[in-house]
Amino acid sequence: MTGMSGIRFCCLCDRPILGKAERVEQFSASGARPDSLRHPAGDPDCRRTSRT
């Protein structure tokens, strides 16, 4: 187990989530793919990166 194991990262900006998080459901028929987390809408900590 690493020292980073308890940190949750936002799936939109890849920054750590320090407070509340919103769950983004991922479809997986087998259940092998866990849900992702993101900052709540309008959270100033979320600096969405441009993925082009």
PDB file of N, CA and C in Angstrom:
ATOM      1  N   MET A   1       0.855  -1.186   0.000  1.00  0.00           N
ATOM      2  CA  MET A   1       0.000   0.000   0.000  1.00  0.00           C
ATOM      3  C   MET A   1       0.892   1.236   0.000  1.00  0.00           C
ATOM      4  N   THR A   2       0.573   2.157  -0.898  1.00  0.00           N
ATOM      5  CA  THR A   2       1.388   3.373  -1.007  1.00  0.00           C
ATOM      6  C   THR A   2       0.817   4.490  -0.148  1.00  0.00           C
ATOM      7  N   GLY A   3       1.554   5.544  -0.003  1.00  0.00           N
ATOM      8  CA  GLY A   3       1.107   6.696   0.761  1.00  0.00           C
ATOM      9  C   GLY A   3      -0.004   7.470   0.074  1.00  0.00           C
ATOM     10  N   MET A   4      -0.188   7.266  -1.223  1.00  0.00           N
ATOM     11  CA  MET A   4      -1.205   7.980  -1.997  1.00  0.00           C
ATOM     12  C   MET A   4      -2.531   7.208  -2.058  1.00  0.00           C
ATOM     13  N   SER A   5      -2.649   6.087  -1.407  1.00  0.00           N
ATOM     14  CA  SER A   5      -3.788   5.197  -1.598  1.00  0.00           C
ATOM     15  C   SER A   5      -5.132   5.778  -1.165  1.00  0.00           C
ATOM     16  N   GLY A   6      -5.188   6.743  -0.268  1.00  0.00           N
ATOM     17  CA  GLY A   6      -6.453   7.281   0.196  1.00  0.00           C
ATOM     18  C   GLY A   6      -6.921   8.529  -0.536  1.00  0.00           C
ATOM     19  N   ILE A   7      -6.148   9.013  -1.484  1.00  0.00           N
ATOM     20  CA  ILE A   7      -6.468  10.251  -2.182  1.00  0.00           C
ATOM     21  C   ILE A   7      -7.397   9.955  -3.354  1.00  0.00           C
ATOM     22  N   ARG A   8      -8.454  10.769  -3.473  1.00  0.00           N
ATOM     23  CA  ARG A   8      -9.391  10.639  -4.585  1.00  0.00           C
ATOM     24  C   ARG A   8      -9.056  11.714  -5.609  1.00  0.00           C
ATOM     25  N   PHE A   9      -9.050  11.343  -6.899  1.00  0.00           N
ATOM     26  CA  PHE A   9      -8.729  12.275  -7.963  1.00  0.00           C
ATOM     27  C   PHE A   9      -9.936  12.504  -8.858  1.00  0.00           C
ATOM     28  N   CYS A  10     -10.098  13.738  -9.321  1.00  0.00           N
ATOM     29  CA  CYS A  10     -11.182  14.127 -10.207  1.00  0.00           C
ATOM     30  C   CYS A  10     -10.932  13.557 -11.609  1.00  0.00           C
ATOM     31  N   CYS A  11     -11.961  12.941 -12.199  1.00  0.00           N
ATOM     32  CA  CYS A  11     -11.815  12.364 -13.543  1.00  0.00           C
ATOM     33  C   CYS A  11     -11.798  13.442 -14.627  1.00  0.00           C
ATOM     34  N   LEU A  12     -12.165  14.678 -14.305  1.00  0.00           N
ATOM     35  CA  LEU A  12     -12.167  15.765 -15.295  1.00  0.00           C
ATOM     36  C   LEU A  12     -10.860  16.541 -15.324  1.00  0.00           C
ATOM     37  N   CYS A  13     -10.292  16.814 -14.139  1.00  0.00           N
ATOM     38  CA  CYS A  13      -9.101  17.662 -14.094  1.00  0.00           C
ATOM     39  C   CYS A  13      -7.868  16.957 -13.521  1.00  0.00           C
ATOM     40  N   ASP A  14      -8.018  15.734 -13.041  1.00  0.00           N
ATOM     41  CA  ASP A  14      -6.905  14.943 -12.484  1.00  0.00           C
ATOM     42  C   ASP A  14      -6.267  15.587 -11.258  1.00  0.00           C
ATOM     43  N   ARG A  15      -7.016  16.445 -10.563  1.00  0.00           N
ATOM     44  CA  ARG A  15      -6.529  17.074  -9.331  1.00  0.00           C
ATOM     45  C   ARG A  15      -7.156  16.362  -8.134  1.00  0.00           C
ATOM     46  N   PRO A  16      -6.518  16.399  -6.970  1.00  0.00           N
ATOM     47  CA  PRO A  16      -7.086  15.752  -5.783  1.00  0.00           C
ATOM     48  C   PRO A  16      -8.410  16.387  -5.363  1.00  0.00           C
ATOM     49  N   ILE A  17      -9.311  15.566  -4.866  1.00  0.00           N
ATOM     50  CA  ILE A  17     -10.592  16.039  -4.342  1.00  0.00           C
ATOM     51  C   ILE A  17     -10.467  16.066  -2.824  1.00  0.00           C
ATOM     52  N   LEU A  18     -10.562  17.259  -2.247  1.00  0.00           N
ATOM     53  CA  LEU A  18     -10.367  17.410  -0.809  1.00  0.00           C
ATOM     54  C   LEU A  18     -11.675  17.362  -0.028  1.00  0.00           C
ATOM     55  N   GLY A  19     -12.756  17.806  -0.621  1.00  0.00           N
ATOM     56  CA  GLY A  19     -14.043  17.837   0.069  1.00  0.00           C
ATOM     57  C   GLY A  19     -14.992  16.791  -0.504  1.00  0.00           C
ATOM     58  N   LYS A  20     -16.230  17.243  -0.721  1.00  0.00           N
ATOM     59  CA  LYS A  20     -17.238  16.350  -1.279  1.00  0.00           C
ATOM     60  C   LYS A  20     -16.921  16.038  -2.731  1.00  0.00           C
ATOM     61  N   ALA A  21     -17.365  14.865  -3.170  1.00  0.00           N
ATOM     62  CA  ALA A  21     -17.153  14.430  -4.545  1.00  0.00           C
ATOM     63  C   ALA A  21     -18.458  13.910  -5.118  1.00  0.00           C
ATOM     64  N   GLU A  22     -18.613  14.073  -6.426  1.00  0.00           N
ATOM     65  CA  GLU A  22     -19.766  13.510  -7.116  1.00  0.00           C
ATOM     66  C   GLU A  22     -19.317  12.241  -7.836  1.00  0.00           C
ATOM     67  N   ARG A  23     -20.151  11.229  -7.783  1.00  0.00           N
ATOM     68  CA  ARG A  23     -19.839   9.952  -8.420  1.00  0.00           C
ATOM     69  C   ARG A  23     -20.302   9.977  -9.871  1.00  0.00           C
ATOM     70  N   VAL A  24     -19.435   9.547 -10.784  1.00  0.00           N
ATOM     71  CA  VAL A  24     -19.758   9.424 -12.195  1.00  0.00           C
ATOM     72  C   VAL A  24     -19.820   7.927 -12.486  1.00  0.00           C
ATOM     73  N   GLU A  25     -21.024   7.434 -12.747  1.00  0.00           N
ATOM     74  CA  GLU A  25     -21.196   5.998 -12.939  1.00  0.00           C
ATOM     75  C   GLU A  25     -20.592   5.554 -14.262  1.00  0.00           C
ATOM     76  N   GLN A  26     -19.877   4.447 -14.216  1.00  0.00           N
ATOM     77  CA  GLN A  26     -19.281   3.831 -15.393  1.00  0.00           C
ATOM     78  C   GLN A  26     -20.032   2.532 -15.666  1.00  0.00           C
ATOM     79  N   PHE A  27     -20.386   2.272 -16.912  1.00  0.00           N
ATOM     80  CA  PHE A  27     -21.065   1.024 -17.239  1.00  0.00           C
ATOM     81  C   PHE A  27     -20.046  -0.087 -17.399  1.00  0.00           C
ATOM     82  N   SER A  28     -20.279  -1.163 -16.697  1.00  0.00           N
ATOM     83  CA  SER A  28     -19.454  -2.352 -16.829  1.00  0.00           C
ATOM     84  C   SER A  28     -20.344  -3.548 -16.528  1.00  0.00           C
ATOM     85  N   ALA A  29     -20.566  -4.379 -17.504  1.00  0.00           N
ATOM     86  CA  ALA A  29     -21.440  -5.543 -17.326  1.00  0.00           C
ATOM     87  C   ALA A  29     -20.919  -6.474 -16.235  1.00  0.00           C
ATOM     88  N   SER A  30     -19.608  -6.567 -16.099  1.00  0.00           N
ATOM     89  CA  SER A  30     -19.032  -7.463 -15.090  1.00  0.00           C
ATOM     90  C   SER A  30     -18.841  -6.778 -13.748  1.00  0.00           C
ATOM     91  N   GLY A  31     -18.916  -5.457 -13.726  1.00  0.00           N
ATOM     92  CA  GLY A  31     -18.679  -4.715 -12.484  1.00  0.00           C
ATOM     93  C   GLY A  31     -17.211  -4.492 -12.204  1.00  0.00           C
ATOM     94  N   ALA A  32     -16.362  -4.798 -13.152  1.00  0.00           N
ATOM     95  CA  ALA A  32     -14.919  -4.679 -12.953  1.00  0.00           C
ATOM     96  C   ALA A  32     -14.427  -3.237 -13.013  1.00  0.00           C
ATOM     97  N   ARG A  33     -15.178  -2.365 -13.670  1.00  0.00           N
ATOM     98  CA  ARG A  33     -14.762  -0.967 -13.797  1.00  0.00           C
ATOM     99  C   ARG A  33     -15.462  -0.145 -12.709  1.00  0.00           C
ATOM    100  N   PRO A  34     -14.723   0.376 -11.753  1.00  0.00           N
ATOM    101  CA  PRO A  34     -15.357   1.157 -10.680  1.00  0.00           C
ATOM    102  C   PRO A  34     -15.840   2.521 -11.178  1.00  0.00           C
ATOM    103  N   ASP A  35     -16.754   3.127 -10.434  1.00  0.00           N
ATOM    104  CA  ASP A  35     -17.233   4.463 -10.758  1.00  0.00           C
ATOM    105  C   ASP A  35     -16.098   5.468 -10.573  1.00  0.00           C
ATOM    106  N   SER A  36     -16.135   6.547 -11.347  1.00  0.00           N
ATOM    107  CA  SER A  36     -15.164   7.629 -11.218  1.00  0.00           C
ATOM    108  C   SER A  36     -15.728   8.705 -10.309  1.00  0.00           C
ATOM    109  N   LEU A  37     -14.873   9.596  -9.854  1.00  0.00           N
ATOM    110  CA  LEU A  37     -15.287  10.711  -9.007  1.00  0.00           C
ATOM    111  C   LEU A  37     -14.903  12.019  -9.667  1.00  0.00           C
ATOM    112  N   ARG A  38     -15.676  13.070  -9.373  1.00  0.00           N
ATOM    113  CA  ARG A  38     -15.350  14.399  -9.877  1.00  0.00           C
ATOM    114  C   ARG A  38     -15.716  15.424  -8.823  1.00  0.00           C
ATOM    115  N   HIS A  39     -15.147  16.634  -8.970  1.00  0.00           N
ATOM    116  CA  HIS A  39     -15.518  17.733  -8.092  1.00  0.00           C
ATOM    117  C   HIS A  39     -16.988  18.077  -8.340  1.00  0.00           C
ATOM    118  N   PRO A  40     -17.692  18.590  -7.342  1.00  0.00           N
ATOM    119  CA  PRO A  40     -19.062  19.055  -7.569  1.00  0.00           C
ATOM    120  C   PRO A  40     -19.087  20.182  -8.608  1.00  0.00           C
ATOM    121  N   ALA A  41     -20.195  20.311  -9.313  1.00  0.00           N
ATOM    122  CA  ALA A  41     -20.335  21.351 -10.340  1.00  0.00           C
ATOM    123  C   ALA A  41     -20.105  22.727  -9.728  1.00  0.00           C
ATOM    124  N   GLY A  42     -19.296  23.540 -10.375  1.00  0.00           N
ATOM    125  CA  GLY A  42     -19.012  24.896  -9.917  1.00  0.00           C
ATOM    126  C   GLY A  42     -17.920  25.001  -8.876  1.00  0.00           C
ATOM    127  N   ASP A  43     -17.289  23.899  -8.515  1.00  0.00           N
ATOM    128  CA  ASP A  43     -16.226  23.925  -7.506  1.00  0.00           C
ATOM    129  C   ASP A  43     -14.994  24.611  -8.097  1.00  0.00           C
ATOM    130  N   PRO A  44     -14.478  25.659  -7.456  1.00  0.00           N
ATOM    131  CA  PRO A  44     -13.318  26.378  -8.003  1.00  0.00           C
ATOM    132  C   PRO A  44     -12.028  25.544  -7.998  1.00  0.00           C
ATOM    133  N   ASP A  45     -11.991  24.452  -7.236  1.00  0.00           N
ATOM    134  CA  ASP A  45     -10.800  23.591  -7.210  1.00  0.00           C
ATOM    135  C   ASP A  45     -10.656  22.773  -8.489  1.00  0.00           C
ATOM    136  N   CYS A  46     -11.746  22.648  -9.251  1.00  0.00           N
ATOM    137  CA  CYS A  46     -11.729  21.855 -10.476  1.00  0.00           C
ATOM    138  C   CYS A  46     -11.286  22.744 -11.627  1.00  0.00           C
ATOM    139  N   ARG A  47     -10.103  22.504 -12.109  1.00  0.00           N
ATOM    140  CA  ARG A  47      -9.573  23.251 -13.248  1.00  0.00           C
ATOM    141  C   ARG A  47      -9.485  22.275 -14.404  1.00  0.00           C
ATOM    142  N   ARG A  48     -10.583  22.155 -15.100  1.00  0.00           N
ATOM    143  CA  ARG A  48     -10.702  21.179 -16.170  1.00  0.00           C
ATOM    144  C   ARG A  48      -9.619  21.385 -17.229  1.00  0.00           C
ATOM    145  N   THR A  49      -8.953  20.299 -17.576  1.00  0.00           N
ATOM    146  CA  THR A  49      -7.922  20.363 -18.596  1.00  0.00           C
ATOM    147  C   THR A  49      -8.541  20.181 -19.969  1.00  0.00           C
ATOM    148  N   SER A  50      -7.957  20.785 -20.979  1.00  0.00           N
ATOM    149  CA  SER A  50      -8.460  20.604 -22.338  1.00  0.00           C
ATOM    150  C   SER A  50      -7.856  19.339 -22.901  1.00  0.00           C
ATOM    151  N   ARG A  51      -8.699  18.424 -23.292  1.00  0.00           N
ATOM    152  CA  ARG A  51      -8.240  17.154 -23.846  1.00  0.00           C
ATOM    153  C   ARG A  51      -8.585  17.130 -25.327  1.00  0.00           C
ATOM    154  N   THR A  52      -7.660  17.624 -26.149  1.00  0.00           N
ATOM    155  CA  THR A  52      -7.898  17.667 -27.589  1.00  0.00           C
ATOM    156  C   THR A  52      -6.989  16.742 -28.322  1.00  0.00           C
TER     157      THR A  52
END
